[in-house]
């Protein structure tokens, strides 16, 4: 279960540049965050999408809850651009943990 300790309930529209990424890997669902950097691009962490396909990723914007948020708008990914290093182990000295979704 996902929990946030000492957090506050967000209001619709309060965080306009934040995106929720739902990445399906088999039976697992990984939740990641992203930053909206244009009307077509999401900046996120490389390790969140490195083994995913565009069909396995949903981008949700305008939501304040993980599930069943009537304000949330779901977008599908058409392209995943990983950093050119193509390898990353978080914590590694030269880990460029960055990806852009279109």
N, C-alpha and C. Protein backbone atom coordinates (compact mmCIF):
# COMPACT_ATOMS: atom_id res chain seq x y z
N UNK A 1 0.85 -1.19 0.00
CA UNK A 1 0.00 0.00 0.00
C UNK A 1 0.88 1.24 0.00
N UNK A 2 0.42 2.26 -0.69
CA UNK A 2 1.15 3.51 -0.74
C UNK A 2 0.63 4.42 0.36
N UNK A 3 1.54 5.02 1.10
CA UNK A 3 1.15 5.93 2.17
C UNK A 3 2.00 7.18 2.10
N UNK A 4 1.41 8.28 2.45
CA UNK A 4 2.13 9.53 2.59
C UNK A 4 1.95 9.95 4.04
N UNK A 5 3.05 10.15 4.74
CA UNK A 5 2.99 10.54 6.14
C UNK A 5 3.15 12.04 6.26
N UNK A 6 2.33 12.65 7.08
CA UNK A 6 2.38 14.09 7.36
C UNK A 6 2.15 14.92 6.11
N UNK A 7 1.48 14.37 5.13
CA UNK A 7 1.17 15.12 3.91
C UNK A 7 -0.11 15.91 4.09
N UNK A 8 -0.42 16.69 3.10
CA UNK A 8 -1.65 17.47 3.10
C UNK A 8 -2.43 17.14 1.84
N UNK A 9 -3.73 17.22 1.93
CA UNK A 9 -4.59 16.96 0.78
C UNK A 9 -4.42 18.11 -0.21
N UNK A 10 -4.12 17.76 -1.46
CA UNK A 10 -3.98 18.77 -2.51
C UNK A 10 -5.35 19.15 -3.04
N UNK A 11 -5.46 20.37 -3.47
CA UNK A 11 -6.69 20.86 -4.08
C UNK A 11 -6.57 20.76 -5.61
N UNK A 12 -7.66 20.50 -6.32
CA UNK A 12 -7.60 20.45 -7.78
C UNK A 12 -6.98 21.73 -8.34
N UNK A 13 -6.01 21.56 -9.23
CA UNK A 13 -5.33 22.70 -9.86
C UNK A 13 -4.20 23.29 -9.05
N UNK A 14 -3.96 22.78 -7.84
CA UNK A 14 -2.92 23.35 -6.98
C UNK A 14 -1.52 23.09 -7.52
N UNK A 15 -1.28 21.93 -8.09
CA UNK A 15 0.04 21.57 -8.61
C UNK A 15 -0.09 21.30 -10.10
N UNK A 16 -0.10 22.34 -10.88
CA UNK A 16 -0.40 22.27 -12.32
C UNK A 16 0.68 21.60 -13.15
N UNK A 17 1.88 21.48 -12.63
CA UNK A 17 2.99 20.96 -13.43
C UNK A 17 3.40 19.55 -13.01
N UNK A 18 2.58 18.89 -12.23
CA UNK A 18 2.89 17.55 -11.75
C UNK A 18 2.05 16.52 -12.50
N UNK A 19 2.69 15.41 -12.86
CA UNK A 19 1.99 14.31 -13.52
C UNK A 19 2.19 13.04 -12.71
N UNK A 20 1.21 12.18 -12.74
CA UNK A 20 1.27 10.86 -12.11
C UNK A 20 1.49 9.85 -13.22
N UNK A 21 2.51 9.01 -13.06
CA UNK A 21 2.78 7.96 -14.04
C UNK A 21 2.39 6.62 -13.44
N UNK A 22 1.58 5.86 -14.16
CA UNK A 22 1.22 4.51 -13.77
C UNK A 22 1.89 3.58 -14.77
N UNK A 23 2.88 2.83 -14.30
CA UNK A 23 3.67 1.96 -15.16
C UNK A 23 3.35 0.51 -14.80
N UNK A 24 2.77 -0.23 -15.74
CA UNK A 24 2.39 -1.62 -15.51
C UNK A 24 3.52 -2.53 -15.97
N UNK A 25 3.95 -3.42 -15.07
CA UNK A 25 4.98 -4.42 -15.39
C UNK A 25 4.43 -5.78 -14.95
N UNK A 26 3.84 -6.49 -15.90
CA UNK A 26 3.20 -7.76 -15.56
C UNK A 26 2.02 -7.49 -14.65
N UNK A 27 2.06 -8.08 -13.46
CA UNK A 27 0.98 -7.87 -12.48
C UNK A 27 1.26 -6.68 -11.56
N UNK A 28 2.45 -6.11 -11.67
CA UNK A 28 2.83 -5.00 -10.79
C UNK A 28 2.45 -3.66 -11.40
N UNK A 29 2.10 -2.73 -10.54
CA UNK A 29 1.83 -1.36 -10.95
C UNK A 29 2.79 -0.46 -10.18
N UNK A 30 3.69 0.20 -10.90
CA UNK A 30 4.61 1.15 -10.29
C UNK A 30 4.05 2.55 -10.46
N UNK A 31 4.19 3.35 -9.43
CA UNK A 31 3.73 4.73 -9.45
C UNK A 31 4.96 5.63 -9.42
N UNK A 32 5.03 6.55 -10.36
CA UNK A 32 6.13 7.50 -10.42
C UNK A 32 5.55 8.89 -10.64
N UNK A 33 6.39 9.87 -10.42
CA UNK A 33 5.99 11.24 -10.67
C UNK A 33 6.68 11.77 -11.91
N UNK A 34 6.17 12.86 -12.41
CA UNK A 34 6.77 13.52 -13.56
C UNK A 34 6.46 14.99 -13.52
N UNK A 35 7.23 15.76 -14.27
CA UNK A 35 7.00 17.19 -14.39
C UNK A 35 6.54 17.50 -15.81
N UNK A 36 5.47 18.26 -15.92
CA UNK A 36 4.98 18.67 -17.23
C UNK A 36 5.87 19.81 -17.70
N UNK A 37 6.63 19.57 -18.79
CA UNK A 37 7.56 20.60 -19.27
C UNK A 37 7.07 21.26 -20.56
N UNK A 38 6.05 20.72 -21.17
CA UNK A 38 5.37 21.36 -22.31
C UNK A 38 4.01 20.70 -22.44
N UNK A 39 3.22 21.12 -23.40
CA UNK A 39 1.90 20.50 -23.54
C UNK A 39 1.97 19.09 -24.09
N UNK A 40 3.18 18.62 -24.47
CA UNK A 40 3.34 17.27 -24.99
C UNK A 40 4.45 16.47 -24.33
N UNK A 41 5.15 17.04 -23.35
CA UNK A 41 6.32 16.37 -22.79
C UNK A 41 6.27 16.29 -21.27
N UNK A 42 6.66 15.10 -20.76
CA UNK A 42 6.75 14.85 -19.33
C UNK A 42 8.19 14.46 -19.02
N UNK A 43 8.80 15.11 -18.05
CA UNK A 43 10.14 14.77 -17.58
C UNK A 43 9.98 13.85 -16.38
N UNK A 44 10.68 12.72 -16.40
CA UNK A 44 10.57 11.76 -15.31
C UNK A 44 11.91 11.08 -15.08
N UNK A 45 11.94 10.12 -14.18
CA UNK A 45 13.17 9.38 -13.87
C UNK A 45 13.33 8.20 -14.83
N UNK A 46 14.54 8.01 -15.27
CA UNK A 46 14.91 6.93 -16.20
C UNK A 46 14.49 5.58 -15.64
N UNK A 47 14.78 5.37 -14.34
CA UNK A 47 14.51 4.06 -13.75
C UNK A 47 13.01 3.74 -13.67
N UNK A 48 12.16 4.73 -13.80
CA UNK A 48 10.71 4.48 -13.78
C UNK A 48 10.20 3.87 -15.08
N UNK A 49 10.88 4.16 -16.19
CA UNK A 49 10.36 3.74 -17.49
C UNK A 49 11.36 2.95 -18.32
N UNK A 50 12.50 2.56 -17.75
CA UNK A 50 13.58 1.95 -18.53
C UNK A 50 13.19 0.64 -19.21
N UNK A 51 12.36 -0.16 -18.60
CA UNK A 51 11.98 -1.44 -19.21
C UNK A 51 10.51 -1.44 -19.64
N UNK A 52 9.89 -0.30 -19.62
CA UNK A 52 8.48 -0.20 -19.98
C UNK A 52 8.33 0.07 -21.47
N UNK A 53 7.17 -0.25 -21.98
CA UNK A 53 6.83 0.14 -23.35
C UNK A 53 5.79 1.24 -23.25
N UNK A 54 5.59 1.94 -24.33
CA UNK A 54 4.64 3.06 -24.29
C UNK A 54 3.23 2.58 -23.97
N UNK A 55 2.91 1.33 -24.30
CA UNK A 55 1.59 0.79 -24.01
C UNK A 55 1.40 0.47 -22.53
N UNK A 56 2.50 0.42 -21.77
CA UNK A 56 2.44 0.09 -20.35
C UNK A 56 2.43 1.32 -19.45
N UNK A 57 2.37 2.50 -20.04
CA UNK A 57 2.46 3.73 -19.25
C UNK A 57 1.21 4.58 -19.47
N UNK A 58 0.62 5.01 -18.36
CA UNK A 58 -0.45 6.00 -18.40
C UNK A 58 0.05 7.24 -17.68
N UNK A 59 -0.19 8.39 -18.26
CA UNK A 59 0.15 9.66 -17.63
C UNK A 59 -1.16 10.31 -17.20
N UNK A 60 -1.26 10.61 -15.91
CA UNK A 60 -2.47 11.23 -15.38
C UNK A 60 -2.13 12.64 -14.92
N UNK A 61 -2.86 13.61 -15.42
CA UNK A 61 -2.66 15.00 -14.99
C UNK A 61 -3.94 15.52 -14.36
N UNK A 62 -3.81 16.55 -13.56
CA UNK A 62 -4.93 17.22 -12.88
C UNK A 62 -5.59 16.37 -11.81
N UNK A 63 -4.96 15.29 -11.40
CA UNK A 63 -5.53 14.43 -10.36
C UNK A 63 -4.93 14.80 -9.00
N UNK A 64 -5.70 14.60 -7.96
CA UNK A 64 -5.19 14.79 -6.60
C UNK A 64 -5.25 13.47 -5.81
N UNK A 65 -5.76 12.42 -6.45
CA UNK A 65 -5.79 11.08 -5.85
C UNK A 65 -5.24 10.08 -6.86
N UNK A 66 -4.69 8.96 -6.35
CA UNK A 66 -4.13 7.92 -7.22
C UNK A 66 -5.19 7.25 -8.08
N UNK A 67 -6.37 7.04 -7.52
CA UNK A 67 -7.41 6.29 -8.24
C UNK A 67 -8.74 7.03 -8.18
N UNK A 68 -9.55 6.78 -9.16
CA UNK A 68 -10.93 7.30 -9.20
C UNK A 68 -11.04 8.80 -8.95
N UNK A 69 -10.13 9.57 -9.50
CA UNK A 69 -10.20 11.01 -9.34
C UNK A 69 -10.96 11.60 -10.54
N UNK A 70 -12.12 12.21 -10.30
CA UNK A 70 -12.90 12.74 -11.42
C UNK A 70 -12.20 13.88 -12.16
N UNK A 71 -11.22 14.51 -11.52
CA UNK A 71 -10.48 15.60 -12.16
C UNK A 71 -9.34 15.10 -13.04
N UNK A 72 -8.92 13.84 -12.85
CA UNK A 72 -7.77 13.30 -13.58
C UNK A 72 -8.04 13.09 -15.06
N UNK A 73 -7.05 13.45 -15.86
CA UNK A 73 -7.13 13.23 -17.31
C UNK A 73 -6.01 12.28 -17.70
N UNK A 74 -6.37 11.17 -18.32
CA UNK A 74 -5.40 10.13 -18.68
C UNK A 74 -4.89 10.38 -20.10
N UNK A 75 -3.58 10.32 -20.24
CA UNK A 75 -2.94 10.46 -21.55
C UNK A 75 -2.07 9.23 -21.79
N UNK A 76 -1.96 8.85 -23.03
CA UNK A 76 -1.14 7.70 -23.40
C UNK A 76 0.16 8.19 -24.01
N UNK A 77 1.19 7.40 -23.89
CA UNK A 77 2.54 7.76 -24.33
C UNK A 77 2.76 7.31 -25.76
N UNK A 78 3.33 8.17 -26.57
CA UNK A 78 3.66 7.79 -27.95
C UNK A 78 5.16 7.58 -28.14
N UNK A 79 5.97 8.12 -27.23
CA UNK A 79 7.43 7.98 -27.37
C UNK A 79 8.08 8.06 -26.00
N UNK A 80 9.10 7.22 -25.79
CA UNK A 80 9.90 7.24 -24.56
C UNK A 80 11.33 7.56 -24.97
N UNK A 81 11.86 8.66 -24.49
CA UNK A 81 13.25 9.04 -24.79
C UNK A 81 14.07 8.92 -23.51
N UNK A 82 14.92 7.88 -23.46
CA UNK A 82 15.80 7.68 -22.31
C UNK A 82 17.10 8.44 -22.55
N UNK A 83 17.78 8.80 -21.47
CA UNK A 83 19.08 9.45 -21.62
C UNK A 83 19.98 8.55 -22.44
N UNK A 84 20.82 9.14 -23.27
CA UNK A 84 21.65 8.38 -24.21
C UNK A 84 22.61 7.39 -23.56
N UNK A 85 22.87 7.52 -22.26
CA UNK A 85 23.77 6.57 -21.59
C UNK A 85 23.22 5.15 -21.64
N UNK A 86 21.88 5.02 -21.71
CA UNK A 86 21.19 3.73 -21.81
C UNK A 86 21.50 2.75 -20.67
N UNK A 87 22.11 3.23 -19.62
CA UNK A 87 22.31 2.38 -18.45
C UNK A 87 22.34 3.27 -17.22
N UNK A 88 21.74 2.77 -16.17
CA UNK A 88 21.68 3.58 -14.96
C UNK A 88 21.35 2.68 -13.78
N UNK A 89 22.17 2.76 -12.77
CA UNK A 89 21.88 2.15 -11.50
C UNK A 89 21.80 3.29 -10.50
N UNK A 90 20.60 3.61 -9.99
CA UNK A 90 20.49 4.73 -9.06
C UNK A 90 21.54 4.65 -7.96
N UNK A 91 22.16 5.78 -7.68
CA UNK A 91 23.24 5.85 -6.71
C UNK A 91 24.61 5.77 -7.35
N UNK A 92 24.66 5.33 -8.58
CA UNK A 92 25.91 5.24 -9.33
C UNK A 92 26.42 6.65 -9.62
N UNK A 93 27.74 6.83 -9.65
CA UNK A 93 28.33 8.15 -9.85
C UNK A 93 27.86 8.79 -11.15
N UNK A 94 27.84 8.04 -12.23
CA UNK A 94 27.44 8.59 -13.53
C UNK A 94 26.09 8.04 -13.96
N UNK A 95 25.12 8.26 -13.15
CA UNK A 95 23.77 7.80 -13.46
C UNK A 95 22.95 9.00 -13.91
N UNK A 96 22.60 9.02 -15.19
CA UNK A 96 21.77 10.09 -15.72
C UNK A 96 20.33 9.60 -15.69
N UNK A 97 19.72 9.71 -14.53
CA UNK A 97 18.40 9.13 -14.26
C UNK A 97 17.30 10.06 -14.78
N UNK A 98 17.23 10.18 -16.11
CA UNK A 98 16.31 11.14 -16.71
C UNK A 98 15.70 10.57 -18.00
N UNK A 99 14.42 10.83 -18.20
CA UNK A 99 13.72 10.39 -19.41
C UNK A 99 12.65 11.43 -19.74
N UNK A 100 12.30 11.49 -21.01
CA UNK A 100 11.23 12.39 -21.46
C UNK A 100 10.19 11.54 -22.19
N UNK A 101 8.94 11.74 -21.82
CA UNK A 101 7.83 11.04 -22.47
C UNK A 101 7.08 12.02 -23.36
N UNK A 102 6.67 11.53 -24.52
CA UNK A 102 5.87 12.34 -25.44
C UNK A 102 4.52 11.65 -25.62
